[in-house]
N, C-alpha and C. Protein backbone atom coordinates (compact mmCIF):
# COMPACT_ATOMS: atom_id res chain seq x y z
N CYS A 1 55.48 46.81 23.17
CA CYS A 1 55.04 45.33 22.63
C CYS A 1 53.74 45.84 21.62
N THR A 2 53.51 45.47 20.55
CA THR A 2 52.51 45.97 19.91
C THR A 2 51.01 45.31 20.17
N TYR A 3 51.10 43.73 20.57
CA TYR A 3 50.33 42.98 20.97
C TYR A 3 50.14 42.80 22.35
N GLY A 4 49.46 43.75 23.07
CA GLY A 4 49.46 43.47 24.44
C GLY A 4 47.62 43.27 24.74
N PRO A 5 47.43 43.35 25.82
CA PRO A 5 46.15 43.15 26.31
C PRO A 5 44.95 43.96 25.47
N ARG A 6 45.63 45.12 25.23
CA ARG A 6 44.48 46.16 24.54
C ARG A 6 44.01 45.55 23.25
N HIS A 7 45.07 45.26 22.46
CA HIS A 7 44.85 44.87 21.20
C HIS A 7 44.06 43.51 21.18
N ALA A 8 44.20 42.57 22.00
CA ALA A 8 43.33 41.11 21.95
C ALA A 8 42.02 41.53 22.38
N THR A 9 41.83 42.37 23.10
CA THR A 9 40.59 42.67 23.59
C THR A 9 39.74 43.29 22.25
N ALA A 10 40.17 44.40 21.56
CA ALA A 10 39.76 45.03 20.47
C ALA A 10 39.44 44.04 19.35
N ALA A 11 40.42 42.95 19.13
CA ALA A 11 40.36 42.05 18.05
C ALA A 11 39.18 41.11 18.38
N MET A 12 38.91 41.10 19.78
CA MET A 12 37.86 40.07 20.01
C MET A 12 36.25 40.85 19.91
N THR A 13 36.26 41.95 20.14
CA THR A 13 35.13 42.77 20.27
C THR A 13 34.84 43.35 18.68
N LYS A 14 35.77 43.12 17.73
CA LYS A 14 35.60 43.81 16.59
C LYS A 14 34.39 42.92 15.74
N PRO A 15 33.55 43.72 15.22
CA PRO A 15 32.24 42.90 14.62
C PRO A 15 32.87 42.14 13.35
N ARG A 16 32.43 40.99 13.06
CA ARG A 16 32.80 40.13 12.15
C ARG A 16 31.38 40.12 10.96
N PHE A 17 31.55 40.98 10.06
CA PHE A 17 30.20 40.98 9.16
C PHE A 17 30.38 39.83 8.26
N GLY A 18 31.40 39.27 7.93
CA GLY A 18 31.59 38.11 6.97
C GLY A 18 30.84 37.08 7.42
N MET A 19 30.97 36.62 8.63
CA MET A 19 30.09 35.61 9.22
C MET A 19 28.59 35.65 9.16
N GLU A 20 28.15 37.09 9.57
CA GLU A 20 26.87 37.30 9.84
C GLU A 20 26.20 37.66 8.30
N VAL A 21 26.93 37.99 7.37
CA VAL A 21 26.30 37.63 6.08
C VAL A 21 25.91 36.47 5.63
N PHE A 22 27.05 35.77 5.82
CA PHE A 22 26.90 34.17 5.55
C PHE A 22 25.84 33.46 6.24
N LYS A 23 25.67 33.81 7.63
CA LYS A 23 24.45 33.27 8.04
C LYS A 23 23.14 33.77 7.63
N PHE A 24 23.23 34.94 7.63
CA PHE A 24 21.85 35.46 6.86
C PHE A 24 21.57 35.04 5.57
N SER A 25 22.64 34.86 4.64
CA SER A 25 22.41 34.24 3.29
C SER A 25 21.86 32.80 3.53
N VAL A 26 22.30 32.29 4.43
CA VAL A 26 22.06 30.79 4.41
C VAL A 26 20.44 30.68 4.90
N TYR A 27 20.08 31.62 6.20
CA TYR A 27 18.73 31.73 6.68
C TYR A 27 17.66 32.06 5.56
N ILE A 28 18.35 32.86 4.57
CA ILE A 28 17.42 33.31 3.51
C ILE A 28 17.09 32.22 2.20
N ALA A 29 18.33 31.63 2.05
CA ALA A 29 18.31 30.83 0.95
C ALA A 29 17.71 29.45 1.17
N MET A 30 17.79 29.05 2.32
CA MET A 30 17.34 27.61 2.76
C MET A 30 15.80 27.47 2.42
N PRO A 31 15.05 28.18 2.84
CA PRO A 31 13.66 28.18 2.46
C PRO A 31 13.42 28.20 1.12
N ILE A 32 14.20 29.01 0.37
CA ILE A 32 13.89 29.19 -1.06
C ILE A 32 14.18 28.08 -1.87
N ILE A 33 15.38 27.41 -1.39
CA ILE A 33 15.85 26.28 -1.99
C ILE A 33 14.95 25.19 -1.82
N MET A 34 14.36 24.92 -0.56
CA MET A 34 13.50 23.85 -0.25
C MET A 34 12.20 23.80 -1.01
N VAL A 35 11.64 25.21 -0.99
CA VAL A 35 10.43 25.44 -1.87
C VAL A 35 10.75 25.15 -3.33
N SER A 36 11.66 25.46 -3.80
CA SER A 36 12.09 25.35 -5.14
C SER A 36 12.02 23.62 -5.60
N VAL A 37 12.76 23.00 -4.52
CA VAL A 37 12.95 21.42 -4.65
C VAL A 37 11.47 20.86 -4.70
N PHE A 38 10.47 21.25 -3.93
CA PHE A 38 9.27 20.55 -3.72
C PHE A 38 8.48 21.08 -4.60
N VAL A 39 8.35 22.42 -5.00
CA VAL A 39 7.51 22.75 -6.07
C VAL A 39 7.81 22.28 -7.41
N TRP A 40 8.84 22.28 -7.88
CA TRP A 40 9.34 21.83 -9.38
C TRP A 40 9.46 20.34 -9.46
N GLU A 41 9.64 19.62 -8.28
CA GLU A 41 9.59 18.09 -8.47
C GLU A 41 8.66 17.62 -7.18
N PRO A 42 7.45 17.42 -7.20
CA PRO A 42 6.72 17.06 -6.15
C PRO A 42 6.88 15.47 -5.66
N GLU A 43 7.43 14.65 -6.54
CA GLU A 43 7.91 13.50 -6.08
C GLU A 43 8.84 13.55 -5.04
N ASN A 44 9.65 14.34 -4.92
CA ASN A 44 10.57 14.41 -3.73
C ASN A 44 9.98 14.53 -2.36
N LEU A 45 8.79 15.45 -2.47
CA LEU A 45 8.00 15.52 -1.22
C LEU A 45 7.31 14.06 -0.71
N GLU A 46 6.62 13.60 -1.94
CA GLU A 46 5.70 12.30 -1.78
C GLU A 46 6.82 11.07 -1.32
N GLY A 47 7.96 11.26 -1.68
CA GLY A 47 9.03 10.29 -1.21
C GLY A 47 9.19 10.37 0.29
N ILE A 48 9.60 11.51 0.60
CA ILE A 48 9.95 11.94 1.99
C ILE A 48 8.66 11.54 2.86
N ILE A 49 7.37 11.75 2.66
CA ILE A 49 6.27 11.41 3.29
C ILE A 49 6.07 10.06 3.26
N LYS A 50 6.45 9.40 2.31
CA LYS A 50 6.21 7.69 2.42
C LYS A 50 7.37 7.09 3.12
N GLN A 51 8.48 7.70 3.21
CA GLN A 51 9.54 7.20 3.71
C GLN A 51 9.38 7.35 5.44
N CYS A 52 8.96 8.41 5.75
CA CYS A 52 8.77 8.75 7.11
C CYS A 52 7.27 8.56 7.49
N ALA A 53 6.53 7.67 6.98
CA ALA A 53 5.09 7.57 7.56
C ALA A 53 5.36 6.95 8.92
N TYR A 54 4.71 7.66 9.84
CA TYR A 54 4.74 7.16 11.35
C TYR A 54 3.38 6.48 11.65
N VAL A 55 2.35 6.76 10.78
CA VAL A 55 1.00 6.32 10.92
C VAL A 55 0.82 5.43 9.85
N VAL A 56 0.44 4.31 10.31
CA VAL A 56 0.10 3.20 8.94
C VAL A 56 -1.24 2.67 9.64
N TYR A 57 -2.31 2.98 8.66
CA TYR A 57 -3.58 2.40 8.64
C TYR A 57 -3.72 1.02 8.45
N PRO A 58 -4.66 0.18 9.21
CA PRO A 58 -4.84 -1.02 8.49
C PRO A 58 -5.85 -1.04 7.47
N PRO A 59 -5.88 -1.95 6.82
CA PRO A 59 -6.62 -2.03 5.41
C PRO A 59 -7.99 -2.04 5.85
N GLU A 60 -8.81 -1.55 4.97
CA GLU A 60 -10.35 -1.05 5.28
C GLU A 60 -10.98 -2.69 5.44
N GLY A 61 -11.52 -2.65 6.60
CA GLY A 61 -12.37 -3.90 7.00
C GLY A 61 -13.83 -3.95 6.31
N PRO A 62 -14.50 -5.00 6.50
CA PRO A 62 -15.97 -5.11 5.87
C PRO A 62 -16.80 -4.09 6.51
N LYS A 63 -17.68 -3.60 5.66
CA LYS A 63 -18.46 -2.74 6.01
C LYS A 63 -19.55 -3.13 6.96
N PRO A 64 -20.14 -2.37 7.76
CA PRO A 64 -21.34 -2.87 8.83
C PRO A 64 -22.46 -3.02 7.92
N PRO A 65 -23.32 -4.01 8.49
CA PRO A 65 -24.48 -4.07 7.73
C PRO A 65 -25.31 -2.94 7.81
N SER A 66 -26.13 -2.68 6.69
CA SER A 66 -27.18 -1.62 6.68
C SER A 66 -28.35 -1.88 7.71
N GLN A 67 -29.16 -0.90 7.97
CA GLN A 67 -30.21 -0.97 8.89
C GLN A 67 -31.10 -2.31 8.46
N ASP A 68 -31.66 -2.30 7.18
CA ASP A 68 -32.41 -3.52 6.70
C ASP A 68 -31.71 -4.75 6.84
N GLU A 69 -30.47 -4.92 6.73
CA GLU A 69 -29.70 -6.10 6.94
C GLU A 69 -29.67 -6.43 8.48
N MET A 70 -29.41 -5.40 9.27
CA MET A 70 -29.65 -5.83 10.69
C MET A 70 -31.07 -6.36 11.21
N ARG A 71 -32.05 -5.57 10.83
CA ARG A 71 -33.34 -6.15 11.12
C ARG A 71 -33.41 -7.54 10.81
N LYS A 72 -33.00 -7.95 9.41
CA LYS A 72 -33.31 -9.39 9.17
C LYS A 72 -32.26 -10.19 10.01
N ILE A 73 -31.41 -9.86 10.26
CA ILE A 73 -30.33 -10.37 11.36
C ILE A 73 -30.97 -10.64 12.64
N ILE A 74 -31.44 -9.81 13.22
CA ILE A 74 -32.10 -9.73 14.49
C ILE A 74 -33.33 -10.72 14.28
N GLU A 75 -34.17 -10.53 13.35
CA GLU A 75 -35.25 -11.35 13.29
C GLU A 75 -34.87 -12.85 13.05
N ALA A 76 -33.72 -13.23 12.37
CA ALA A 76 -33.14 -14.39 12.14
C ALA A 76 -32.93 -15.23 13.57
N ASN A 77 -31.96 -14.04 14.29
CA ASN A 77 -31.78 -14.44 15.63
C ASN A 77 -32.85 -14.81 16.51
N ARG A 78 -33.93 -14.02 16.47
CA ARG A 78 -35.21 -14.08 17.32
C ARG A 78 -35.71 -15.52 17.10
N LYS A 79 -35.83 -15.72 15.67
CA LYS A 79 -36.51 -17.05 15.31
C LYS A 79 -35.71 -18.47 15.93
N LYS A 80 -34.37 -18.17 15.82
CA LYS A 80 -33.55 -19.29 16.26
C LYS A 80 -33.92 -19.40 17.87
N ARG A 81 -33.93 -18.34 18.46
CA ARG A 81 -33.91 -18.59 20.02
C ARG A 81 -35.52 -19.08 20.23
N LEU A 82 -36.41 -18.75 19.62
CA LEU A 82 -37.93 -19.14 19.81
C LEU A 82 -38.19 -20.71 19.44
N ASP A 83 -37.12 -21.32 18.48
CA ASP A 83 -37.28 -22.63 17.93
C ASP A 83 -36.30 -23.51 18.88
């Protein structure tokens, strides 16, 4: 019989260079493709960032009073307490 247990083991241990070449080419090509997509069209990256925004900051609130304004407020409060 030509297909005995020895033939099955030899076929299973035979290196498959085609698959390794394919995996290596994908490993090398993927970063190159991604860089080219985002460098030539930056709108793609902006769209992804906007779509996956996981931090949403609230709108900017009113600015705190300056030091001079705080002094005026404190003086006004003191006058109200004394009256």
